[in-house]
Structures are given as C-alpha cells and as structure tokens.
Amino acid sequence: MKWMPAYVGLGSNLQDPPQQLRQAFAALATLPSTRLVYQSSLYGSRPMGPVAQADFCNAAAGLLTQLDADALLAALRALEDSLGRAPAHARWGPRVIDLDLLVYGNERRSSAALSLPHPGIAERSFVLRPLCEFAPDLIVPGVGRVADLTAKVSSADLWVIDGTVH
C-alpha cells in the first residue's frame, strides 16, 4: 500500500486543553499503518461562532499513512471517542478534543461524511499558522500554498502557548 501525506488539525477548549492536545498527539502516533511525522507548536485562539465559550488550544499534525481517507477519518473519530469527546456537541461549541482531517494527499471531494480539503481552511489562522510551521510549501488542493494562505489571514487573535515544534 502506498504511503500518503495527511494533515490533521487539533483543537480543545475543555479539561486542560494543552494537555488534551499532547494526549492527542501521542494517540495519533499509535494509529495503525500511520506515522506521526510532525507536530506543531500549541496555539491559543478565540472561539468561532455564536456559542459563548473558553478560548481554544490548537495545533496541527503531519502524518504519513497507508490508510485511505475514509479509514483515516474513522480512526480519527475513534481517537476522539477514546479521548473523551462527547458524541453530540453544538457546532463550533466547546469540546474536549477535535481532530479534523485537513488535507489528504491531493484528494478533493465533498460529501456528507468528508470534505477535502477541509472547508474554511484558507480563512482560519488557527489552522494555517500551525500547519505553516512544518509544511509552508504544502499545496492545499484547489486552494493554494500554505505559506501564501497564512500571509493573507490575520493572526491577531492567535498566540503561542507552547512553541515546541517536533
């Protein structure tokens, strides 16, 4: 089976968010037929949407995987469950952990189950800035180069919590 690059966005704003992301990185490293290659610094960000809630902690991970996109998404959902994510949550609401498949190789698709690349990636500094740490030249299919996209969004509501890139 061919190894594919995949990129995951991580987020949490409940129950010690930086620790939640550290646990999520460790869990990503245990996925079958998958290697955790990069993990970004941890960033703080203001929440999106209409729900009043605490600030988020965000990061990005770079993976190499032999899983197809659907199997990887299922593995990410299973990790969220094992890390304590509640099954039902408000859109853009508070959460213990959120693992979003951002980019999977050059794949582009839009379905009820999975949209690739992840919708809104080009407008979200809390996704782009962590991703830019280790993949500035990544071309988000149909969207553009990560470094160019990052330069176009404001990072005013983003701050570094832990500046350790692995």
Protein backbone atom coordinates (compact mmCIF):
# COMPACT_ATOMS: atom_id res chain seq x y z
CA MET A 1 0.00 0.00 0.00
CA LYS A 2 1.22 3.48 -0.86
CA TRP A 3 2.12 5.98 1.89
CA MET A 4 0.06 9.18 1.67
CA PRO A 5 0.69 12.52 3.38
CA ALA A 6 -2.18 13.67 5.56
CA TYR A 7 -2.59 16.72 7.77
CA VAL A 8 -4.75 16.94 10.88
CA GLY A 9 -5.96 19.98 12.82
CA LEU A 10 -6.28 19.56 16.58
CA GLY A 11 -8.39 21.67 18.93
CA SER A 12 -9.63 21.68 22.52
CA ASN A 13 -11.11 24.16 24.97
CA LEU A 14 -12.15 21.91 27.88
CA GLN A 15 -10.35 20.00 30.63
CA ASP A 16 -6.79 21.41 30.30
CA PRO A 17 -6.68 21.98 26.53
CA PRO A 18 -2.86 21.92 26.15
CA GLN A 19 -2.76 18.54 27.88
CA GLN A 20 -5.63 17.31 25.70
CA LEU A 21 -3.60 18.15 22.59
CA ARG A 22 -0.47 16.49 23.95
CA GLN A 23 -2.52 13.32 24.58
CA ALA A 24 -3.98 13.58 21.08
CA PHE A 25 -0.51 13.82 19.52
CA ALA A 26 0.52 10.70 21.48
CA ALA A 27 -2.64 8.91 20.31
CA LEU A 28 -2.03 9.90 16.66
CA ALA A 29 1.38 8.24 16.93
CA THR A 30 -0.36 4.92 17.70
CA LEU A 31 -2.66 4.82 14.65
CA PRO A 32 -2.21 1.64 12.59
CA SER A 33 -0.32 1.93 9.30
CA THR A 34 0.35 5.58 10.14
CA ARG A 35 3.38 7.58 11.24
CA LEU A 36 3.23 10.90 13.09
CA VAL A 37 5.92 12.88 11.27
CA TYR A 38 5.37 16.44 12.52
CA GLN A 39 3.58 18.18 15.31
CA SER A 40 3.28 21.95 15.58
CA SER A 41 3.52 24.29 18.49
CA LEU A 42 0.38 24.77 20.57
CA TYR A 43 -1.56 27.97 19.91
CA GLY A 44 -4.32 29.77 21.75
CA SER A 45 -7.20 31.17 19.75
CA ARG A 46 -10.54 32.88 20.22
CA PRO A 47 -13.56 30.63 19.57
CA MET A 48 -15.52 30.85 16.31
CA GLY A 49 -19.27 31.02 16.06
CA PRO A 50 -22.15 32.13 18.24
CA VAL A 51 -21.56 29.89 21.30
CA ALA A 52 -20.04 31.64 24.35
CA GLN A 53 -17.09 29.52 25.49
CA ALA A 54 -13.47 29.45 26.61
CA ASP A 55 -10.53 30.08 24.29
CA PHE A 56 -9.19 27.15 22.29
CA CYS A 57 -5.83 25.46 22.13
CA ASN A 58 -4.99 24.48 18.53
CA ALA A 59 -2.22 22.63 16.71
CA ALA A 60 -1.52 20.66 13.54
CA ALA A 61 -0.04 17.25 12.83
CA GLY A 62 1.63 15.88 9.72
CA LEU A 63 1.13 12.17 9.08
CA LEU A 64 2.22 9.57 6.58
CA THR A 65 -0.43 6.88 6.32
CA GLN A 66 -1.35 3.79 4.37
CA LEU A 67 -4.98 4.21 5.41
CA ASP A 68 -7.33 5.62 2.79
CA ALA A 69 -9.05 8.91 3.63
CA ASP A 70 -12.25 7.26 4.89
CA ALA A 71 -10.36 4.81 7.12
CA LEU A 72 -8.19 7.64 8.47
CA LEU A 73 -11.28 9.72 9.23
CA ALA A 74 -12.83 6.74 11.05
CA ALA A 75 -9.61 6.30 13.04
CA LEU A 76 -9.64 9.99 13.98
CA ARG A 77 -13.27 9.73 15.16
CA ALA A 78 -12.39 6.65 17.22
CA LEU A 79 -9.48 8.57 18.79
CA GLU A 80 -11.80 11.46 19.64
CA ASP A 81 -14.15 9.00 21.38
CA SER A 82 -11.30 7.37 23.30
CA LEU A 83 -10.00 10.80 24.37
CA GLY A 84 -13.37 11.78 25.84
CA ARG A 85 -15.18 13.74 23.16
CA ALA A 86 -18.92 13.78 23.80
CA PRO A 87 -20.89 12.14 20.96
CA ALA A 88 -23.18 15.13 20.41
CA HIS A 89 -21.93 18.71 20.54
CA ALA A 90 -23.01 22.11 19.30
CA ARG A 91 -21.46 23.19 16.02
CA TRP A 92 -18.49 25.41 16.84
CA GLY A 93 -19.18 24.70 20.52
CA PRO A 94 -16.87 23.66 23.35
CA ARG A 95 -15.14 20.30 23.12
CA VAL A 96 -12.60 18.16 24.89
CA ILE A 97 -10.92 17.25 21.61
CA ASP A 98 -11.46 17.87 17.92
CA LEU A 99 -9.42 16.11 15.22
CA ASP A 100 -10.10 17.40 11.71
CA LEU A 101 -8.68 15.81 8.58
CA LEU A 102 -7.47 18.92 6.75
CA VAL A 103 -5.67 17.56 3.70
CA TYR A 104 -5.17 14.04 2.37
CA GLY A 105 -2.65 13.91 -0.48
CA ASN A 106 -4.10 15.71 -3.49
CA GLU A 107 -7.62 14.46 -2.86
CA ARG A 108 -10.56 16.76 -3.41
CA ARG A 109 -14.09 15.72 -2.52
CA SER A 110 -17.23 16.96 -0.88
CA SER A 111 -19.63 14.55 0.76
CA ALA A 112 -21.76 14.44 3.87
CA ALA A 113 -19.08 12.36 5.61
CA LEU A 114 -15.90 14.09 4.46
CA SER A 115 -14.85 17.22 2.59
CA LEU A 116 -11.26 17.51 1.39
CA PRO A 117 -9.57 19.80 1.78
CA HIS A 118 -11.31 20.81 4.99
CA PRO A 119 -13.79 23.67 4.32
CA GLY A 120 -12.69 27.06 5.57
CA ILE A 121 -9.01 26.15 5.81
CA ALA A 122 -7.99 29.27 3.87
CA GLU A 123 -9.64 31.64 6.38
CA ARG A 124 -8.52 30.05 9.65
CA SER A 125 -5.26 31.29 11.13
CA PHE A 126 -5.58 28.74 13.96
CA VAL A 127 -5.26 26.03 11.26
CA LEU A 128 -2.84 27.70 8.86
CA ARG A 129 -0.24 29.07 11.26
CA PRO A 130 0.44 25.73 13.00
CA LEU A 131 0.47 23.97 9.62
CA CYS A 132 2.86 26.57 8.20
CA GLU A 133 5.45 25.70 10.86
CA PHE A 134 6.28 22.38 9.19
CA ALA A 135 4.53 22.47 5.80
CA PRO A 136 4.82 26.01 4.37
CA ASP A 137 5.13 24.68 0.81
CA LEU A 138 2.19 22.29 1.07
CA ILE A 139 -0.29 22.93 -1.72
CA VAL A 140 -3.82 22.65 -0.35
CA PRO A 141 -5.62 21.14 -3.37
CA GLY A 142 -7.67 23.75 -5.18
CA VAL A 143 -6.88 26.39 -2.54
CA GLY A 144 -3.20 27.34 -2.60
CA ARG A 145 0.17 27.13 -0.86
CA VAL A 146 0.05 27.15 2.96
CA ALA A 147 2.62 29.96 3.35
CA ASP A 148 0.71 32.17 0.91
CA LEU A 149 -2.62 31.44 2.59
CA THR A 150 -1.12 32.12 6.04
CA ALA A 151 0.17 35.51 4.88
CA LYS A 152 -3.37 36.52 3.89
CA VAL A 153 -5.08 35.89 7.25
CA SER A 154 -4.79 37.90 10.43
CA SER A 155 -3.18 36.22 13.41
CA ALA A 156 -4.32 38.95 15.82
CA ASP A 157 -6.43 36.51 17.85
CA LEU A 158 -3.75 33.81 17.95
CA TRP A 159 -0.92 33.34 20.44
CA VAL A 160 1.73 30.71 21.13
CA ILE A 161 1.13 28.56 24.22
CA ASP A 162 4.00 26.12 23.73
CA GLY A 163 6.45 26.87 20.95
CA THR A 164 7.93 23.38 20.63
CA VAL A 165 7.77 22.01 17.09
CA HIS A 166 8.50 18.28 16.69
